[in-house]
Amino acid sequence: MQSLVSFLRGLGASRLMAMVAVTTALLGFFAFVIMRVTTPQMTTLFTDLSLEDSNAVIKDLERQAIPFEIRNDGAVIMVPKDKVTRLRMKLAEGGLPKGGGVGYEIFDKSDALGTTSFVQNINHLRALEGELARTIRAIDRVQAARVHLVLPERPLFARETPEPSASIVVRVRGALEAQQIRAIRHLVASAVNGLKPQRVSIIDEAGQLLADGAGGEQDNTVADERRNSFEKRLRNEVEAIVSSVVGAGRARVQLSADFDYNKITQTSDKFDPEGRVLRSSQTREESSATAETNGQVTVNNELPGNQQNGGGPVARDQSKKTEETNNYEISRTTKTEVTEAGRVNRISVAVLVDGSYAKNDKGEMVYQDRSKEQLDRIATLVRSAIGFDQKRGDQVEVVNLRFAESPVVAPLAEPTGLLGMLQFTKDDVMYVIELGVMMLLGLVVLFMVIRPLVKRILADEVIAAAAEGALPAIADGSAQAAPTGNSLAPGVNNTAQMIDVAQIQGQVHAQSVHRVGELAERNPNETAAIVRQWLSEPAA
């Protein structure tokens, strides 16, 4: 302890304070680096949370003693990356987040014995609205949704039941497509008994009407979407097959389809007279005979097989009648044809292709028109791709013109090498960069602060040892180590020792002067007295 105290006193107050300051700074720096490296990487647990859901999630995280961060006024909650999956499943088990609305969980803790039918109906309506709102929020670009249902009851003594209706308010990111709006309407209509899609109205947070729920509108968007989808599909197919011939970006395709949206129902009956079939046949025969009786009416004459007196021949009148009735069934064919709306009446295609480019003798790119034979082959491919029908008036035109600018298609750069194999994400790259910066700062502090400080302390110890008597020993050793013979090594060692002695003498002299200066500053009166005494002494 005495040696330690003497060492610290020998350093001086200024050096001691500097060492304490540097040590404190180093401890703080390394503590910051260790805390930053050991702190878990945070990732998003939930986004766009309501205040109720955010409060419930935070309480659950505090109960589990899990670190978290709150951003965007509680709408975003961050948790450690290695625990996010387990936390989502754990919170989902508890029904969190609820989505800012009430769903069918309203019936979990309700007392069914003490509630009236009116309360049960209201709770069922609230639960249905909440579940629909949650489902709509699952659609892309929909940030929040609120659903209002009107389910009227049938009045007494009324033949017709009022139709239900629904209104939806959505907050979206960007804009909803027509197909998404139609999907929301059909989703709500399918979930509510008796609700039609035409009775669902949708507006956004700006008050813009996205879908009218008047119920009397004709849904023309379906027809437009069908036509646009048909044209887009054929256009892509034609452009793909033409681009494979003339090159990518060197073909432009425009396609127009004429649709007939009238629904036609046609019924026809056809009779075939040659295809007769016997249904029934009836034959009737009648015969009668009359004998001559000379005007006498007797019983004998009326009896069958009677004989005249005398046995002579008797004259008779005979008649025979035959009737035949045949009923035939004629072959009949009944045909009913229903032509749905959306028939293609005609397709028109316009294809513009660029020419070819080749190098001339000077190495310059020269434009060349495509031959007529090549254009005819391209037109044949286009006709086959669209299902060309000349009877309905389809048209295909392929024209070769030079484009204003030659398209340059750059190949997509895919990650190759080590990055492509490891598949680093953005978070991983940022984490590696952060560690590299921390290591670089640590090395800078090590070589710029710690190393000079240690070197200075060691130099002070060498100077102190030299001041206590190291110089005579070195001087004696240098005197005894005189060079002998013609060896080169002893001379080199003597020269190095002399250089070291000169450096140590200079450092000792500088240190002595510095210490004398410090003593003079601390004791100015004693210093002045010593100087006066030196001046009063006679010169030797």
Protein backbone atom coordinates (compact mmCIF):
# COMPACT_ATOMS: atom_id res chain seq x y z
CA MET A 1 0.00 0.00 0.00
CA GLN A 2 2.85 2.38 0.82
CA SER A 3 4.40 1.74 -2.59
CA LEU A 4 1.01 2.29 -4.26
CA VAL A 5 0.46 5.52 -2.34
CA SER A 6 3.96 6.71 -3.15
CA PHE A 7 3.40 5.86 -6.82
CA LEU A 8 0.16 7.82 -6.90
CA ARG A 9 1.83 10.79 -5.16
CA GLY A 10 4.64 10.68 -7.66
CA LEU A 11 2.16 10.95 -10.56
CA GLY A 12 0.89 14.29 -9.39
CA ALA A 13 -2.62 15.69 -9.07
CA SER A 14 -3.05 16.61 -12.75
CA ARG A 15 -2.00 13.19 -14.01
CA LEU A 16 -4.12 11.44 -11.42
CA MET A 17 -7.22 13.44 -12.44
CA ALA A 18 -6.51 12.73 -16.09
CA MET A 19 -6.25 9.01 -15.41
CA VAL A 20 -9.50 9.02 -13.43
CA ALA A 21 -11.30 10.90 -16.22
CA VAL A 22 -9.97 8.58 -18.92
CA THR A 23 -10.87 5.50 -16.87
CA THR A 24 -14.39 6.77 -16.27
CA ALA A 25 -14.85 7.54 -19.96
CA LEU A 26 -13.59 4.11 -20.95
CA LEU A 27 -15.88 2.38 -18.47
CA GLY A 28 -18.87 4.37 -19.74
CA PHE A 29 -17.99 3.66 -23.36
CA PHE A 30 -17.56 -0.07 -22.90
CA ALA A 31 -20.69 -0.23 -20.75
CA PHE A 32 -22.63 1.44 -23.57
CA VAL A 33 -21.18 -0.98 -26.14
CA ILE A 34 -22.00 -4.00 -23.98
CA MET A 35 -25.55 -2.80 -23.31
CA ARG A 36 -26.09 -2.00 -26.98
CA VAL A 37 -24.83 -5.39 -28.13
CA THR A 38 -26.68 -7.37 -25.47
CA THR A 39 -29.96 -5.46 -25.92
CA PRO A 40 -32.38 -7.70 -27.89
CA GLN A 41 -33.39 -6.61 -31.37
CA MET A 42 -36.91 -5.18 -31.31
CA THR A 43 -39.52 -5.88 -33.96
CA THR A 44 -43.16 -5.01 -34.50
CA LEU A 45 -45.71 -7.02 -32.55
CA PHE A 46 -48.90 -5.22 -33.69
CA THR A 47 -49.64 -2.10 -35.70
CA ASP A 48 -52.65 0.20 -36.02
CA LEU A 49 -53.93 -0.67 -32.57
CA SER A 50 -56.76 1.19 -30.92
CA LEU A 51 -56.27 2.67 -27.48
CA GLU A 52 -58.28 -0.13 -25.83
CA ASP A 53 -56.33 -2.88 -27.55
CA SER A 54 -52.99 -1.15 -26.90
CA ASN A 55 -53.80 -0.83 -23.20
CA ALA A 56 -54.81 -4.48 -22.92
CA VAL A 57 -51.69 -5.70 -24.76
CA ILE A 58 -49.37 -3.56 -22.60
CA LYS A 59 -50.94 -4.90 -19.40
CA ASP A 60 -50.43 -8.46 -20.58
CA LEU A 61 -46.78 -7.77 -21.50
CA GLU A 62 -46.12 -6.18 -18.11
CA ARG A 63 -47.67 -9.19 -16.40
CA GLN A 64 -45.30 -11.48 -18.32
CA ALA A 65 -42.28 -9.19 -17.56
CA ILE A 66 -41.44 -8.85 -21.25
CA PRO A 67 -39.63 -5.67 -22.43
CA PHE A 68 -41.50 -3.60 -25.00
CA GLU A 69 -41.46 -0.24 -26.74
CA ILE A 70 -44.39 2.00 -27.68
CA ARG A 71 -44.37 4.08 -30.84
CA ASN A 72 -46.80 6.20 -32.82
CA ASP A 73 -48.84 7.17 -29.74
CA GLY A 74 -49.47 3.56 -28.76
CA ALA A 75 -50.57 2.37 -32.19
CA VAL A 76 -47.37 0.33 -32.66
CA ILE A 77 -45.86 -2.01 -30.02
CA MET A 78 -42.32 -3.39 -30.37
CA VAL A 79 -41.07 -6.53 -28.61
CA PRO A 80 -37.88 -8.66 -28.84
CA LYS A 81 -37.59 -10.39 -32.18
CA ASP A 82 -37.08 -13.86 -30.74
CA LYS A 83 -40.35 -13.68 -28.77
CA VAL A 84 -42.72 -12.11 -31.28
CA THR A 85 -44.21 -15.38 -32.61
CA ARG A 86 -44.86 -16.85 -29.18
CA LEU A 87 -46.36 -13.57 -27.95
CA ARG A 88 -48.75 -13.35 -30.87
CA MET A 89 -50.03 -16.87 -30.22
CA LYS A 90 -50.28 -16.19 -26.48
CA LEU A 91 -52.20 -12.94 -27.00
CA ALA A 92 -54.44 -14.57 -29.61
CA GLU A 93 -55.34 -17.19 -27.02
CA GLY A 94 -56.60 -14.38 -24.79
CA GLY A 95 -58.52 -12.73 -27.63
CA LEU A 96 -56.10 -9.83 -28.15
CA PRO A 97 -56.19 -7.61 -30.03
CA LYS A 98 -59.96 -7.36 -30.29
CA GLY A 99 -59.81 -5.02 -33.25
CA GLY A 100 -61.49 -2.04 -31.63
CA GLY A 101 -64.95 -3.59 -31.84
CA VAL A 102 -67.19 -6.11 -30.14
CA GLY A 103 -67.55 -9.53 -31.69
CA TYR A 104 -69.24 -12.76 -30.68
CA GLU A 105 -67.25 -12.73 -27.46
CA ILE A 106 -70.01 -10.50 -26.10
CA PHE A 107 -71.96 -13.69 -25.39
CA ASP A 108 -69.12 -15.36 -23.46
CA LYS A 109 -69.79 -13.66 -20.13
CA SER A 110 -73.43 -12.66 -20.49
CA ASP A 111 -76.19 -13.86 -18.21
CA ALA A 112 -78.75 -15.43 -20.54
CA LEU A 113 -81.33 -15.89 -17.77
CA GLY A 114 -81.58 -12.23 -16.86
CA THR A 115 -81.63 -10.68 -20.34
CA THR A 116 -84.64 -9.94 -22.49
CA SER A 117 -85.07 -10.83 -26.13
CA PHE A 118 -84.56 -7.18 -27.08
CA VAL A 119 -81.14 -7.12 -25.40
CA GLN A 120 -80.22 -10.43 -27.02
CA ASN A 121 -81.14 -9.07 -30.47
CA ILE A 122 -79.13 -5.91 -29.91
CA ASN A 123 -76.12 -7.92 -28.75
CA HIS A 124 -76.42 -10.18 -31.78
CA LEU A 125 -76.51 -7.14 -34.07
CA ARG A 126 -73.46 -5.62 -32.35
CA ALA A 127 -71.57 -8.89 -32.58
CA LEU A 128 -72.38 -9.28 -36.27
CA GLU A 129 -71.26 -5.72 -37.03
CA GLY A 130 -68.01 -6.20 -35.10
CA GLU A 131 -67.17 -9.48 -36.82
CA LEU A 132 -67.81 -7.99 -40.26
CA ALA A 133 -65.62 -4.99 -39.43
CA ARG A 134 -62.78 -7.30 -38.39
CA THR A 135 -63.10 -9.30 -41.59
CA ILE A 136 -63.10 -6.18 -43.77
CA ARG A 137 -59.94 -4.90 -42.03
CA ALA A 138 -58.17 -8.07 -43.15
CA ILE A 139 -58.41 -6.86 -46.77
CA ASP A 140 -55.33 -5.20 -48.19
CA ARG A 141 -55.30 -1.36 -48.08
CA VAL A 142 -58.12 -1.26 -45.51
CA GLN A 143 -56.80 0.29 -42.32
CA ALA A 144 -60.04 0.54 -40.32
CA ALA A 145 -63.71 -0.24 -40.92
CA ARG A 146 -67.04 0.37 -39.24
CA VAL A 147 -70.23 -1.47 -40.22
CA HIS A 148 -73.85 -0.47 -39.59
CA LEU A 149 -76.61 -2.99 -40.30
CA VAL A 150 -80.33 -2.30 -40.56
CA LEU A 151 -82.35 -5.49 -40.09
CA PRO A 152 -86.03 -4.44 -40.04
CA GLU A 153 -88.67 -6.71 -38.58
CA ARG A 154 -91.73 -7.67 -40.54
CA PRO A 155 -94.70 -5.54 -39.48
CA LEU A 156 -97.94 -7.17 -38.45
CA PHE A 157 -100.55 -7.74 -41.14
CA ALA A 158 -98.03 -6.89 -43.87
CA ARG A 159 -97.50 -9.03 -46.93
CA GLU A 160 -94.09 -7.65 -47.86
CA THR A 161 -91.03 -7.68 -45.62
CA PRO A 162 -88.73 -4.61 -45.73
CA GLU A 163 -85.34 -5.39 -47.20
CA PRO A 164 -82.27 -5.11 -44.94
CA SER A 165 -79.50 -2.66 -45.76
CA ALA A 166 -75.95 -1.93 -44.65
CA SER A 167 -73.56 1.02 -44.63
CA ILE A 168 -69.78 0.75 -44.28
CA VAL A 169 -67.19 3.42 -43.51
CA VAL A 170 -63.58 2.49 -44.30
CA ARG A 171 -60.24 4.20 -43.80
CA VAL A 172 -57.88 3.08 -46.54
CA ARG A 173 -54.25 3.44 -47.49
CA GLY A 174 -54.30 4.85 -50.99
CA ALA A 175 -57.40 3.88 -52.96
CA LEU A 176 -59.54 0.77 -53.25
CA GLU A 177 -59.96 -0.92 -56.59
CA ALA A 178 -63.39 -1.57 -58.07
CA GLN A 179 -62.96 -5.30 -57.59
CA GLN A 180 -62.18 -4.82 -53.89
CA ILE A 181 -65.27 -2.64 -53.40
CA ARG A 182 -67.44 -5.25 -55.07
CA ALA A 183 -65.86 -7.97 -52.91
CA ILE A 184 -66.71 -6.05 -49.73
CA ARG A 185 -70.34 -5.65 -50.82
CA HIS A 186 -70.73 -9.33 -51.60
CA LEU A 187 -68.97 -10.30 -48.37
CA VAL A 188 -71.43 -8.32 -46.24
CA ALA A 189 -74.42 -9.46 -48.30
CA SER A 190 -73.46 -13.11 -47.90
CA ALA A 191 -73.10 -12.76 -44.13
CA VAL A 192 -76.53 -11.18 -43.54
CA ASN A 193 -79.69 -13.10 -44.32
CA GLY A 194 -81.79 -11.46 -47.03
CA LEU A 195 -79.30 -8.67 -47.78
CA LYS A 196 -78.54 -7.92 -51.42
CA PRO A 197 -75.21 -6.50 -52.61
CA GLN A 198 -77.04 -3.57 -54.20
CA ARG A 199 -78.30 -2.55 -50.76
CA VAL A 200 -74.78 -2.07 -49.33
CA SER A 201 -73.29 1.44 -49.45
CA ILE A 202 -69.58 2.15 -48.86
CA ILE A 203 -67.86 5.48 -48.17
CA ASP A 204 -64.28 6.34 -47.20
CA GLU A 205 -62.93 8.56 -44.44
CA ALA A 206 -63.05 11.61 -46.74
CA GLY A 207 -66.80 11.19 -47.32
CA GLN A 208 -66.37 9.98 -50.89
CA LEU A 209 -69.06 7.57 -52.04
CA LEU A 210 -67.47 4.33 -53.22
CA ALA A 211 -70.65 2.27 -53.68
CA ASP A 212 -74.28 3.40 -53.76
CA GLY A 213 -76.76 1.33 -51.77
CA ALA A 214 -79.94 2.68 -53.37
CA GLY A 215 -80.75 -0.75 -54.80
CA GLY A 216 -81.99 0.46 -58.20
CA GLU A 217 -78.69 0.87 -59.94
CA GLN A 218 -77.51 -1.40 -62.67
CA ASP A 219 -74.19 -2.92 -61.79
CA ASN A 220 -72.29 -1.92 -64.90
CA THR A 221 -68.96 -2.25 -63.16
CA VAL A 222 -69.17 -6.03 -63.44
CA ALA A 223 -69.49 -5.80 -67.21
CA ASP A 224 -66.68 -3.28 -67.47
CA GLU A 225 -64.41 -5.41 -65.32
CA ARG A 226 -65.19 -8.47 -67.40
CA ARG A 227 -64.39 -6.64 -70.63
CA ASN A 228 -61.21 -5.09 -69.22
CA SER A 229 -60.05 -8.43 -67.90
CA PHE A 230 -60.71 -10.10 -71.25
CA GLU A 231 -58.87 -7.39 -73.18
CA LYS A 232 -55.93 -7.40 -70.75
CA ARG A 233 -55.54 -11.17 -70.94
CA LEU A 234 -55.55 -11.24 -74.74
CA ARG A 235 -53.27 -8.20 -74.94
CA ASN A 236 -50.69 -9.85 -72.68
CA GLU A 237 -50.81 -13.07 -74.65
CA VAL A 238 -50.39 -11.29 -77.99
CA GLU A 239 -47.62 -9.04 -76.69
CA ALA A 240 -45.77 -12.01 -75.20
CA ILE A 241 -45.83 -14.02 -78.41
CA VAL A 242 -44.86 -11.05 -80.59
CA SER A 243 -42.09 -9.92 -78.23
CA SER A 244 -40.56 -13.36 -78.38
CA VAL A 245 -40.13 -12.83 -82.14
CA VAL A 246 -39.15 -9.15 -82.45
CA GLY A 247 -37.53 -8.73 -79.04
CA ALA A 248 -38.60 -7.46 -75.64
CA GLY A 249 -39.90 -3.88 -75.69
CA ARG A 250 -40.07 -3.74 -79.49
CA ALA A 251 -43.79 -4.38 -79.88
CA ARG A 252 -46.88 -2.44 -78.88
CA VAL A 253 -50.29 -4.12 -78.83
CA GLN A 254 -53.71 -2.50 -78.56
CA LEU A 255 -56.78 -4.71 -78.37
CA SER A 256 -60.45 -3.77 -78.30
CA ALA A 257 -63.34 -6.19 -77.75
CA ASP A 258 -66.99 -5.42 -78.48
CA PHE A 259 -69.28 -7.22 -76.01
CA ASP A 260 -73.02 -7.82 -76.21
CA TYR A 261 -74.54 -7.69 -72.72
CA ASN A 262 -78.10 -8.58 -73.80
CA LYS A 263 -79.46 -11.83 -72.44
CA ILE A 264 -81.47 -13.79 -75.06
CA THR A 265 -83.80 -16.74 -74.43
CA GLN A 266 -85.04 -18.54 -77.58
CA THR A 267 -87.45 -21.53 -77.75
CA SER A 268 -88.13 -23.44 -81.03
CA ASP A 269 -90.34 -26.48 -81.91
CA LYS A 270 -89.44 -28.72 -84.85
CA PHE A 271 -91.79 -31.33 -86.41
CA ASP A 272 -90.50 -34.19 -88.57
CA PRO A 273 -93.25 -35.57 -90.87
CA GLU A 274 -91.07 -38.45 -91.98
CA GLY A 275 -90.64 -39.71 -88.46
CA ARG A 276 -94.24 -41.03 -87.99
CA VAL A 277 -94.97 -43.51 -85.25
CA LEU A 278 -98.25 -45.55 -85.10
CA ARG A 279 -99.90 -44.75 -81.81
CA SER A 280 -103.26 -46.64 -82.09
CA SER A 281 -105.28 -48.56 -84.74
CA GLN A 282 -109.05 -49.36 -84.76
CA THR A 283 -110.88 -51.57 -87.36
CA ARG A 284 -114.69 -51.95 -87.64
CA GLU A 285 -116.60 -54.29 -90.05
CA GLU A 286 -120.42 -54.45 -90.66
CA SER A 287 -122.37 -56.90 -92.93
CA SER A 288 -126.17 -57.34 -93.59
CA ALA A 289 -128.42 -59.61 -95.81
CA THR A 290 -132.14 -59.05 -96.82
CA ALA A 291 -134.52 -61.80 -98.25
CA GLU A 292 -137.50 -61.16 -100.60
CA THR A 293 -140.86 -61.94 -98.85
CA ASN A 294 -143.32 -60.63 -101.44
CA GLY A 295 -144.65 -58.15 -99.07
CA GLN A 296 -145.81 -60.68 -96.47
CA VAL A 297 -144.79 -60.20 -92.97
CA THR A 298 -144.93 -63.44 -91.06
CA VAL A 299 -143.09 -65.01 -88.19
CA ASN A 300 -141.61 -67.60 -90.47
CA ASN A 301 -140.17 -64.98 -92.75
CA GLU A 302 -138.44 -63.25 -89.90
CA LEU A 303 -136.84 -66.34 -88.45
CA PRO A 304 -133.29 -66.98 -89.54
CA GLY A 305 -132.79 -69.78 -91.97
CA ASN A 306 -136.50 -69.94 -92.82
CA GLN A 307 -137.56 -71.91 -95.88
CA GLN A 308 -140.21 -70.93 -98.32
CA ASN A 309 -143.03 -73.24 -99.04
CA GLY A 310 -142.21 -75.22 -102.03
CA GLY A 311 -138.36 -75.22 -101.42
CA GLY A 312 -137.54 -72.86 -104.30
CA PRO A 313 -134.69 -70.31 -104.24
CA VAL A 314 -135.25 -67.08 -102.35
CA ALA A 315 -133.74 -63.77 -103.53
CA ARG A 316 -131.54 -61.85 -100.92
CA ASP A 317 -129.82 -58.35 -100.68
CA GLN A 318 -126.35 -58.44 -98.95
CA SER A 319 -124.17 -55.44 -97.82
CA LYS A 320 -120.72 -55.22 -96.05
CA LYS A 321 -119.01 -52.16 -94.41
CA THR A 322 -115.43 -51.91 -93.07
CA GLU A 323 -113.99 -48.93 -91.11
CA GLU A 324 -110.30 -48.58 -90.02
CA THR A 325 -108.93 -45.71 -87.87
CA ASN A 326 -105.10 -45.26 -87.41
CA ASN A 327 -103.62 -42.62 -85.07
CA TYR A 328 -99.99 -41.57 -85.75
CA GLU A 329 -97.58 -39.62 -83.47
CA ILE A 330 -95.48 -37.05 -85.33
CA SER A 331 -91.83 -36.54 -84.12
CA ARG A 332 -91.41 -33.20 -82.34
CA THR A 333 -88.23 -31.47 -81.02
CA THR A 334 -88.40 -28.57 -78.55
CA LYS A 335 -85.19 -26.54 -78.18
CA THR A 336 -84.60 -23.72 -75.69
CA GLU A 337 -81.45 -21.62 -76.08
CA VAL A 338 -80.31 -19.12 -73.44
CA THR A 339 -77.53 -16.77 -74.50
CA GLU A 340 -75.95 -15.18 -71.46
CA ALA A 341 -74.84 -11.58 -71.41
CA GLY A 342 -71.24 -10.89 -72.35
CA ARG A 343 -70.92 -12.35 -75.81
CA VAL A 344 -67.99 -11.20 -77.93
CA ASN A 345 -69.27 -9.55 -81.07
CA ARG A 346 -65.95 -8.50 -82.54
CA ILE A 347 -62.25 -8.24 -81.69
CA SER A 348 -59.91 -5.67 -83.18
CA VAL A 349 -56.15 -5.92 -82.71
CA ALA A 350 -53.49 -3.41 -83.73
CA VAL A 351 -49.85 -4.53 -83.47
CA LEU A 352 -46.97 -2.12 -83.96
CA VAL A 353 -43.53 -3.72 -84.27
CA ASP A 354 -40.13 -2.14 -84.52
CA GLY A 355 -37.65 -3.03 -87.21
CA SER A 356 -34.38 -4.86 -86.79
CA TYR A 357 -30.97 -3.33 -86.10
CA ALA A 358 -27.70 -4.57 -87.54
CA LYS A 359 -24.12 -3.28 -87.65
CA ASN A 360 -22.70 -2.04 -90.93
CA ASP A 361 -19.10 -2.08 -92.06
CA LYS A 362 -18.28 0.91 -89.83
CA GLY A 363 -19.71 -0.78 -86.73
CA GLU A 364 -22.73 1.52 -86.54
CA MET A 365 -26.25 0.28 -85.77
CA VAL A 366 -28.41 0.54 -88.90
CA TYR A 367 -32.20 0.24 -88.91
CA GLN A 368 -33.81 -2.27 -91.29
CA ASP A 369 -37.50 -2.75 -92.07
CA ARG A 370 -39.02 -6.16 -91.54
CA SER A 371 -40.05 -8.13 -94.56
CA LYS A 372 -43.66 -8.63 -95.57
CA GLU A 373 -43.32 -12.36 -95.12
CA GLN A 374 -42.28 -11.89 -91.50
CA LEU A 375 -45.18 -9.49 -90.86
CA ASP A 376 -47.61 -12.03 -92.34
CA ARG A 377 -46.27 -14.71 -90.02
CA ILE A 378 -46.69 -12.41 -87.04
CA ALA A 379 -50.28 -11.67 -88.13
CA THR A 380 -50.95 -15.41 -88.36
CA LEU A 381 -49.68 -15.89 -84.82
CA VAL A 382 -51.88 -13.04 -83.58
CA ARG A 383 -54.97 -14.51 -85.26
CA SER A 384 -54.34 -17.85 -83.64
CA ALA A 385 -53.80 -16.26 -80.23
CA ILE A 386 -57.08 -14.30 -80.20
CA GLY A 387 -59.25 -17.01 -81.81
CA PHE A 388 -59.82 -15.08 -85.03
CA ASP A 389 -63.30 -15.47 -86.54
CA GLN A 390 -63.87 -13.82 -89.89
CA LYS A 391 -67.65 -14.29 -89.74
CA ARG A 392 -68.06 -12.01 -86.73
CA GLY A 393 -65.84 -9.34 -88.31
CA ASP A 394 -62.56 -9.66 -86.40
CA GLN A 395 -59.69 -7.47 -87.59
CA VAL A 396 -55.93 -7.86 -87.15
CA GLU A 397 -53.45 -5.25 -88.35
CA VAL A 398 -49.67 -5.65 -88.04
CA VAL A 399 -47.63 -2.57 -88.98
CA ASN A 400 -43.88 -2.13 -89.03
CA LEU A 401 -42.67 1.36 -88.04
CA ARG A 402 -39.48 2.60 -86.48
CA PHE A 403 -39.78 3.51 -82.81
CA ALA A 404 -38.69 6.96 -81.66
CA GLU A 405 -36.29 5.44 -79.14
CA SER A 406 -34.86 1.99 -79.18
CA PRO A 407 -35.88 0.32 -75.89
CA VAL A 408 -33.04 -0.87 -73.73
CA VAL A 409 -33.98 -3.68 -71.40
CA ALA A 410 -31.51 -4.04 -68.54
CA PRO A 411 -31.28 -7.51 -67.02
CA LEU A 412 -32.44 -7.84 -63.47
CA ALA A 413 -29.54 -8.01 -61.05
CA GLU A 414 -29.98 -10.98 -58.80
CA PRO A 415 -27.93 -11.45 -55.67
CA THR A 416 -25.08 -13.84 -56.33
CA GLY A 417 -22.17 -15.14 -54.36
CA LEU A 418 -22.12 -15.08 -50.59
CA LEU A 419 -25.03 -12.60 -50.21
CA GLY A 420 -27.22 -14.68 -52.50
CA MET A 421 -26.47 -17.85 -50.55
CA LEU A 422 -26.98 -16.36 -47.09
CA GLN A 423 -30.01 -14.26 -48.03
CA PHE A 424 -29.24 -11.39 -45.64
CA THR A 425 -32.17 -9.19 -44.73
CA LYS A 426 -32.04 -5.45 -44.18
CA ASP A 427 -32.15 -5.86 -40.40
CA ASP A 428 -29.24 -8.32 -40.47
CA VAL A 429 -27.11 -5.98 -42.58
CA MET A 430 -27.83 -3.02 -40.28
CA TYR A 431 -26.98 -5.11 -37.22
CA VAL A 432 -23.63 -6.18 -38.72
CA ILE A 433 -22.83 -2.56 -39.64
CA GLU A 434 -23.64 -1.43 -36.10
CA LEU A 435 -21.34 -4.07 -34.60
CA GLY A 436 -18.57 -3.04 -37.00
CA VAL A 437 -18.89 0.62 -35.99
CA MET A 438 -18.76 -0.32 -32.30
CA MET A 439 -15.63 -2.42 -32.82
CA LEU A 440 -14.00 0.38 -34.81
CA LEU A 441 -14.71 2.88 -32.04
CA GLY A 442 -13.30 0.44 -29.48
CA LEU A 443 -10.07 0.08 -31.46
CA VAL A 444 -9.76 3.86 -31.83
CA VAL A 445 -10.14 4.34 -28.08
CA LEU A 446 -7.66 1.52 -27.43
CA PHE A 447 -4.90 2.87 -29.66
CA MET A 448 -5.53 6.62 -29.26
CA VAL A 449 -6.21 6.81 -25.51
CA ILE A 450 -5.18 3.70 -23.61
CA ARG A 451 -1.95 2.97 -25.46
CA PRO A 452 -0.44 6.50 -25.05
CA LEU A 453 -1.48 6.53 -21.40
CA VAL A 454 0.18 3.17 -20.65
CA LYS A 455 3.27 4.17 -22.59
CA ARG A 456 3.56 7.38 -20.63
CA ILE A 457 3.24 5.59 -17.28
CA LEU A 458 5.91 3.07 -18.25
CA ALA A 459 8.21 5.85 -19.40
CA ASP A 460 7.85 7.60 -16.01
CA GLU A 461 8.85 4.38 -14.24
CA VAL A 462 11.95 4.00 -16.43
CA ILE A 463 12.95 7.61 -15.77
CA ALA A 464 12.50 7.15 -12.02
CA ALA A 465 14.66 4.00 -12.03
CA ALA A 466 17.33 5.74 -14.06
CA ALA A 467 17.34 8.67 -11.63
CA GLU A 468 18.00 6.34 -8.67
CA GLY A 469 21.28 4.98 -9.97
CA ALA A 470 20.74 3.19 -13.19
CA LEU A 471 22.98 5.59 -15.04
CA PRO A 472 26.22 4.63 -13.26
CA ALA A 473 25.57 0.99 -13.86
CA ILE A 474 24.92 1.58 -17.50
CA ALA A 475 27.98 3.78 -17.74
CA ASP A 476 30.15 1.15 -16.04
CA GLY A 477 28.80 -1.54 -18.23
CA SER A 478 29.48 0.50 -21.30
CA ALA A 479 33.04 1.16 -20.17
CA GLN A 480 33.75 -2.49 -19.51
CA ALA A 481 32.17 -3.59 -22.78
CA ALA A 482 34.97 -2.32 -24.98
CA PRO A 483 35.13 -3.74 -28.46
CA THR A 484 37.72 -6.50 -28.93
CA GLY A 485 38.87 -8.07 -32.11
CA ASN A 486 37.24 -7.46 -35.44
CA SER A 487 33.74 -8.56 -34.37
CA LEU A 488 30.92 -6.30 -35.61
CA ALA A 489 28.24 -7.22 -33.04
CA PRO A 490 29.92 -5.73 -29.92
CA GLY A 491 30.34 -2.37 -31.66
CA VAL A 492 26.68 -2.30 -32.63
CA ASN A 493 25.62 -3.16 -29.08
CA ASN A 494 27.88 -0.43 -27.61
CA THR A 495 26.46 2.13 -29.99
CA ALA A 496 22.88 1.15 -29.10
CA GLN A 497 23.73 1.31 -25.38
CA MET A 498 25.25 4.78 -25.79
CA ILE A 499 22.12 5.96 -27.62
CA ASP A 500 19.91 4.55 -24.88
CA VAL A 501 22.07 6.24 -22.19
CA ALA A 502 21.83 9.58 -23.97
CA GLN A 503 18.01 9.25 -24.27
CA ILE A 504 17.69 8.33 -20.58
CA GLN A 505 19.94 11.23 -19.54
CA GLY A 506 17.83 13.65 -21.55
CA GLN A 507 14.60 12.28 -20.07
CA VAL A 508 16.06 12.47 -16.54
CA HIS A 509 17.20 16.04 -17.11
CA ALA A 510 13.80 17.04 -18.47
CA GLN A 511 12.06 15.29 -15.59
CA SER A 512 14.32 17.02 -13.05
CA VAL A 513 13.66 20.42 -14.58
CA HIS A 514 9.93 19.72 -14.55
CA ARG A 515 9.99 18.68 -10.90
CA VAL A 516 12.04 21.75 -9.93
CA GLY A 517 9.52 23.91 -11.69
CA GLU A 518 6.64 22.24 -9.85
CA LEU A 519 8.42 22.75 -6.49
CA ALA A 520 9.05 26.41 -7.31
CA GLU A 521 5.37 26.90 -8.15
CA ARG A 522 4.22 25.21 -4.95
CA ASN A 523 6.72 27.02 -2.65
CA PRO A 524 7.48 30.45 -4.09
CA ASN A 525 8.84 31.93 -0.84
CA GLU A 526 11.29 29.12 -0.18
CA THR A 527 12.39 29.24 -3.79
CA ALA A 528 13.08 32.97 -3.59
CA ALA A 529 15.08 32.47 -0.36
CA ILE A 530 17.22 29.75 -1.96
CA VAL A 531 17.93 31.95 -4.96
CA ARG A 532 18.97 34.87 -2.68
CA GLN A 533 21.27 32.51 -0.76
CA TRP A 534 22.88 31.36 -4.03
CA LEU A 535 23.43 34.99 -5.04
CA SER A 536 24.99 35.97 -1.69
CA GLU A 537 27.50 33.11 -1.74
CA PRO A 538 30.99 34.05 -3.03
CA ALA A 539 31.98 32.70 -6.39
CA ALA A 540 34.29 29.68 -6.23
